């Protein structure tokens, strides 16, 4: 199994570290490291972007649920006589 095939199994932190290392080696590594990083970089960037978008969607859904819960709480409080 090569590095690109392992990306889905890696933690978010692992993918971000790999992305940073690939970018660094792409400009400051040996010619062999530069070639390898340039080959892998598109897949690593795509995986990092996919995960970022997934986290954004999860956050938006959590916020929407929290807003609905607050609305329900406010509505319930208005119905209760003081």
C-alpha atoms as a PDB file:
ATOM      1  CA  UNK A   1       0.000   0.000   0.000  1.00  0.00           C
ATOM      2  CA  UNK A   2       1.492   3.337  -1.017  1.00  0.00           C
ATOM      3  CA  UNK A   3       1.196   6.665   0.750  1.00  0.00           C
ATOM      4  CA  UNK A   4      -1.711   7.924  -1.344  1.00  0.00           C
ATOM      5  CA  UNK A   5      -3.727   4.785  -0.586  1.00  0.00           C
ATOM      6  CA  UNK A   6      -3.148   5.356   3.152  1.00  0.00           C
ATOM      7  CA  UNK A   7      -4.543   8.899   3.155  1.00  0.00           C
ATOM      8  CA  UNK A   8      -8.149   7.943   4.046  1.00  0.00           C
ATOM      9  CA  UNK A   9      -6.908   5.974   7.066  1.00  0.00           C
ATOM     10  CA  UNK A  10      -4.743   8.810   8.405  1.00  0.00           C
ATOM     11  CA  UNK A  11      -5.850  11.219  11.116  1.00  0.00           C
ATOM     12  CA  UNK A  12      -6.594  14.823  10.214  1.00  0.00           C
ATOM     13  CA  UNK A  13      -3.418  15.861  11.997  1.00  0.00           C
ATOM     14  CA  UNK A  14      -1.440  13.280  10.050  1.00  0.00           C
ATOM     15  CA  UNK A  15      -2.769  14.535   6.727  1.00  0.00           C
ATOM     16  CA  UNK A  16      -1.946  18.143   7.624  1.00  0.00           C
ATOM     17  CA  UNK A  17       1.574  17.179   8.710  1.00  0.00           C
ATOM     18  CA  UNK A  18       2.063  15.212   5.510  1.00  0.00           C
ATOM     19  CA  UNK A  19       0.823  18.170   3.474  1.00  0.00           C
ATOM     20  CA  UNK A  20       3.252  20.539   5.195  1.00  0.00           C
ATOM     21  CA  UNK A  21       6.135  18.114   4.688  1.00  0.00           C
ATOM     22  CA  UNK A  22       5.291  17.533   1.025  1.00  0.00           C
ATOM     23  CA  UNK A  23       5.169  21.265   0.384  1.00  0.00           C
ATOM     24  CA  UNK A  24       8.484  21.788   2.186  1.00  0.00           C
ATOM     25  CA  UNK A  25      10.198  18.938   0.355  1.00  0.00           C
ATOM     26  CA  UNK A  26       8.773  20.154  -2.946  1.00  0.00           C
ATOM     27  CA  UNK A  27      10.877  23.261  -2.696  1.00  0.00           C
ATOM     28  CA  UNK A  28      13.748  22.364  -0.355  1.00  0.00           C
ATOM     29  CA  UNK A  29      14.291  18.633  -0.768  1.00  0.00           C
ATOM     30  CA  UNK A  30      16.627  16.639  -2.902  1.00  0.00           C
ATOM     31  CA  UNK A  31      15.633  16.213  -6.545  1.00  0.00           C
ATOM     32  CA  UNK A  32      14.208  12.784  -5.712  1.00  0.00           C
ATOM     33  CA  UNK A  33      12.208  14.200  -2.762  1.00  0.00           C
ATOM     34  CA  UNK A  34      10.969  17.080  -4.900  1.00  0.00           C
ATOM     35  CA  UNK A  35       9.751  14.703  -7.586  1.00  0.00           C
ATOM     36  CA  UNK A  36       8.030  12.437  -5.059  1.00  0.00           C
ATOM     37  CA  UNK A  37       6.334  15.337  -3.301  1.00  0.00           C
ATOM     38  CA  UNK A  38       5.143  16.861  -6.588  1.00  0.00           C
ATOM     39  CA  UNK A  39       3.636  13.508  -7.501  1.00  0.00           C
ATOM     40  CA  UNK A  40       1.843  13.056  -4.179  1.00  0.00           C
ATOM     41  CA  UNK A  41       0.911  16.672  -3.469  1.00  0.00           C
ATOM     42  CA  UNK A  42      -2.332  16.814  -5.527  1.00  0.00           C
ATOM     43  CA  UNK A  43      -3.784  13.785  -3.716  1.00  0.00           C
ATOM     44  CA  UNK A  44      -2.721  15.090  -0.302  1.00  0.00           C
ATOM     45  CA  UNK A  45      -4.174  18.533  -1.012  1.00  0.00           C
ATOM     46  CA  UNK A  46      -7.430  16.989  -2.216  1.00  0.00           C
ATOM     47  CA  UNK A  47      -7.742  14.871   0.943  1.00  0.00           C
ATOM     48  CA  UNK A  48      -6.997  17.878   3.175  1.00  0.00           C
ATOM     49  CA  UNK A  49      -9.588  19.974   1.318  1.00  0.00           C
ATOM     50  CA  UNK A  50     -12.183  17.190   1.558  1.00  0.00           C
ATOM     51  CA  UNK A  51     -11.665  16.925   5.301  1.00  0.00           C
ATOM     52  CA  UNK A  52     -11.841  20.695   5.765  1.00  0.00           C
ATOM     53  CA  UNK A  53     -15.121  20.852   3.861  1.00  0.00           C
ATOM     54  CA  UNK A  54     -16.483  17.958   5.909  1.00  0.00           C
ATOM     55  CA  UNK A  55     -15.622  19.757   9.162  1.00  0.00           C
ATOM     56  CA  UNK A  56     -17.255  22.945   7.868  1.00  0.00           C
ATOM     57  CA  UNK A  57     -20.436  21.055   7.027  1.00  0.00           C
ATOM     58  CA  UNK A  58     -20.491  19.397  10.460  1.00  0.00           C
ATOM     59  CA  UNK A  59     -20.018  22.767  12.156  1.00  0.00           C
ATOM     60  CA  UNK A  60     -22.826  24.332  10.113  1.00  0.00           C
ATOM     61  CA  UNK A  61     -25.150  21.456  11.011  1.00  0.00           C
ATOM     62  CA  UNK A  62     -24.290  21.776  14.722  1.00  0.00           C
ATOM     63  CA  UNK A  63     -24.974  25.505  14.612  1.00  0.00           C
ATOM     64  CA  UNK A  64     -28.291  24.967  12.871  1.00  0.00           C
ATOM     65  CA  UNK A  65     -29.329  22.398  15.493  1.00  0.00           C
ATOM     66  CA  UNK A  66     -28.292  24.745  18.313  1.00  0.00           C
ATOM     67  CA  UNK A  67     -30.311  27.601  16.815  1.00  0.00           C
ATOM     68  CA  UNK A  68     -33.379  25.389  16.471  1.00  0.00           C
ATOM     69  CA  UNK A  69     -32.955  24.190  20.046  1.00  0.00           C
ATOM     70  CA  UNK A  70     -32.710  27.771  21.322  1.00  0.00           C
ATOM     71  CA  UNK A  71     -35.809  28.741  19.345  1.00  0.00           C
ATOM     72  CA  UNK A  72     -37.689  25.818  20.851  1.00  0.00           C
ATOM     73  CA  UNK A  73     -36.525  26.739  24.354  1.00  0.00           C
ATOM     74  CA  UNK A  74     -37.583  30.378  23.926  1.00  0.00           C
ATOM     75  CA  UNK A  75     -40.953  29.303  22.532  1.00  0.00           C
ATOM     76  CA  UNK A  76     -41.494  26.906  25.438  1.00  0.00           C
ATOM     77  CA  UNK A  77     -40.643  29.629  27.968  1.00  0.00           C
ATOM     78  CA  UNK A  78     -43.148  32.008  26.364  1.00  0.00           C
ATOM     79  CA  UNK A  79     -45.900  29.431  26.806  1.00  0.00           C
ATOM     80  CA  UNK A  80     -45.247  28.966  30.532  1.00  0.00           C
ATOM     81  CA  UNK A  81     -47.120  31.585  32.593  1.00  0.00           C
ATOM     82  CA  UNK A  82     -44.894  33.492  35.007  1.00  0.00           C
END
